[in-house]
Amino acid sequence: MESLMADKQNFHKSCFRCEHCGGKLSLGNYASLHGRMYCKPHYKQLFKSKGNYDEGFGQKPHKELWNNKNSPENT
């Protein structure tokens, strides 16, 4: 089987697919975030929907992490 390497991960060529739509990806039409691969249109769509990378992709927003560091019980 053919394999390819993207973001320091090895993929079967047929398994290299968008996390959102399942469409086949190539080395020229993908974007990755937090180890997940997306086609460029869905990467842009998901990013724009929330206005930041973390919330748009289901991760904890950085502002929550910052608030936890600055809370009185952590000082």
C-alpha atoms as a PDB file:
ATOM      1  CA  MET A   1       0.000   0.000   0.000  1.00  0.00           C
ATOM      2  CA  GLU A   2       1.093   3.540  -0.636  1.00  0.00           C
ATOM      3  CA  SER A   3       1.680   5.710   2.378  1.00  0.00           C
ATOM      4  CA  LEU A   4       2.348   9.365   2.938  1.00  0.00           C
ATOM      5  CA  MET A   5       3.626  11.444   5.800  1.00  0.00           C
ATOM      6  CA  ALA A   6       1.828  14.573   6.983  1.00  0.00           C
ATOM      7  CA  ASP A   7       2.346  16.427  10.264  1.00  0.00           C
ATOM      8  CA  LYS A   8       4.846  13.794  11.425  1.00  0.00           C
ATOM      9  CA  GLN A   9       2.167  11.083  11.062  1.00  0.00           C
ATOM     10  CA  ASN A  10       2.079   8.201   8.606  1.00  0.00           C
ATOM     11  CA  PHE A  11      -1.137   7.585   6.669  1.00  0.00           C
ATOM     12  CA  HIS A  12      -2.301   5.060   4.114  1.00  0.00           C
ATOM     13  CA  LYS A  13      -3.079   7.088   1.039  1.00  0.00           C
ATOM     14  CA  SER A  14      -6.706   5.899   1.147  1.00  0.00           C
ATOM     15  CA  CYS A  15      -7.047   6.730   4.886  1.00  0.00           C
ATOM     16  CA  PHE A  16      -5.841  10.327   4.589  1.00  0.00           C
ATOM     17  CA  ARG A  17      -9.277  11.963   4.883  1.00  0.00           C
ATOM     18  CA  CYS A  18     -10.909  15.092   6.238  1.00  0.00           C
ATOM     19  CA  GLU A  19     -12.029  14.713   9.856  1.00  0.00           C
ATOM     20  CA  HIS A  20     -15.199  16.699   9.096  1.00  0.00           C
ATOM     21  CA  CYS A  21     -16.475  15.456   5.718  1.00  0.00           C
ATOM     22  CA  GLY A  22     -14.451  12.296   5.100  1.00  0.00           C
ATOM     23  CA  GLY A  23     -13.208  13.557   1.731  1.00  0.00           C
ATOM     24  CA  LYS A  24      -9.858  12.300   0.461  1.00  0.00           C
ATOM     25  CA  LEU A  25      -6.953  14.612   1.161  1.00  0.00           C
ATOM     26  CA  SER A  26      -3.638  15.149  -0.563  1.00  0.00           C
ATOM     27  CA  LEU A  27      -0.476  16.843   0.628  1.00  0.00           C
ATOM     28  CA  GLY A  28      -1.528  19.988  -1.242  1.00  0.00           C
ATOM     29  CA  ASN A  29      -5.099  20.366   0.052  1.00  0.00           C
ATOM     30  CA  TYR A  30      -5.080  19.689   3.781  1.00  0.00           C
ATOM     31  CA  ALA A  31      -4.693  21.661   6.989  1.00  0.00           C
ATOM     32  CA  SER A  32      -4.218  20.221  10.456  1.00  0.00           C
ATOM     33  CA  LEU A  33      -4.927  21.284  13.993  1.00  0.00           C
ATOM     34  CA  HIS A  34      -4.410  19.310  17.220  1.00  0.00           C
ATOM     35  CA  GLY A  35      -3.396  16.264  15.162  1.00  0.00           C
ATOM     36  CA  ARG A  36      -6.617  16.236  13.141  1.00  0.00           C
ATOM     37  CA  MET A  37      -6.626  16.626   9.371  1.00  0.00           C
ATOM     38  CA  TYR A  38      -9.149  18.744   7.482  1.00  0.00           C
ATOM     39  CA  CYS A  39      -9.716  19.771   3.884  1.00  0.00           C
ATOM     40  CA  LYS A  40      -8.931  23.457   3.483  1.00  0.00           C
ATOM     41  CA  PRO A  41     -12.573  24.517   2.889  1.00  0.00           C
ATOM     42  CA  HIS A  42     -13.786  22.852   6.123  1.00  0.00           C
ATOM     43  CA  TYR A  43     -10.777  24.089   8.082  1.00  0.00           C
ATOM     44  CA  LYS A  44     -11.672  27.652   7.089  1.00  0.00           C
ATOM     45  CA  GLN A  45     -15.400  27.092   7.671  1.00  0.00           C
ATOM     46  CA  LEU A  46     -14.901  25.655  11.165  1.00  0.00           C
ATOM     47  CA  PHE A  47     -12.420  28.378  12.109  1.00  0.00           C
ATOM     48  CA  LYS A  48     -14.732  31.177  10.969  1.00  0.00           C
ATOM     49  CA  SER A  49     -17.777  29.743  12.757  1.00  0.00           C
ATOM     50  CA  LYS A  50     -16.346  30.525  16.216  1.00  0.00           C
ATOM     51  CA  GLY A  51     -13.702  33.106  15.478  1.00  0.00           C
ATOM     52  CA  ASN A  52     -10.863  31.184  17.086  1.00  0.00           C
ATOM     53  CA  TYR A  53      -9.118  27.907  16.488  1.00  0.00           C
ATOM     54  CA  ASP A  54      -9.878  26.250  19.796  1.00  0.00           C
ATOM     55  CA  GLU A  55     -13.640  26.768  20.080  1.00  0.00           C
ATOM     56  CA  GLY A  56     -14.141  26.187  16.364  1.00  0.00           C
ATOM     57  CA  PHE A  57     -12.553  22.771  16.653  1.00  0.00           C
ATOM     58  CA  GLY A  58     -14.096  21.640  19.932  1.00  0.00           C
ATOM     59  CA  GLN A  59     -11.140  22.415  22.190  1.00  0.00           C
ATOM     60  CA  LYS A  60     -11.186  24.431  25.411  1.00  0.00           C
ATOM     61  CA  PRO A  61     -10.781  28.129  24.652  1.00  0.00           C
ATOM     62  CA  HIS A  62      -7.465  29.650  25.710  1.00  0.00           C
ATOM     63  CA  LYS A  63      -9.296  32.364  27.629  1.00  0.00           C
ATOM     64  CA  GLU A  64     -10.637  29.698  30.023  1.00  0.00           C
ATOM     65  CA  LEU A  65      -7.095  28.503  30.644  1.00  0.00           C
ATOM     66  CA  TRP A  66      -5.944  32.082  31.221  1.00  0.00           C
ATOM     67  CA  ASN A  67      -8.848  32.739  33.622  1.00  0.00           C
ATOM     68  CA  ASN A  68      -7.942  29.608  35.608  1.00  0.00           C
ATOM     69  CA  LYS A  69      -4.330  30.796  35.945  1.00  0.00           C
ATOM     70  CA  ASN A  70      -5.436  34.248  37.126  1.00  0.00           C
ATOM     71  CA  SER A  71      -8.103  33.122  39.578  1.00  0.00           C
ATOM     72  CA  PRO A  72      -7.553  34.004  43.284  1.00  0.00           C
ATOM     73  CA  GLU A  73      -7.214  30.390  44.433  1.00  0.00           C
ATOM     74  CA  ASN A  74      -4.226  29.881  42.097  1.00  0.00           C
ATOM     75  CA  THR A  75      -2.223  32.826  43.471  1.00  0.00           C
END
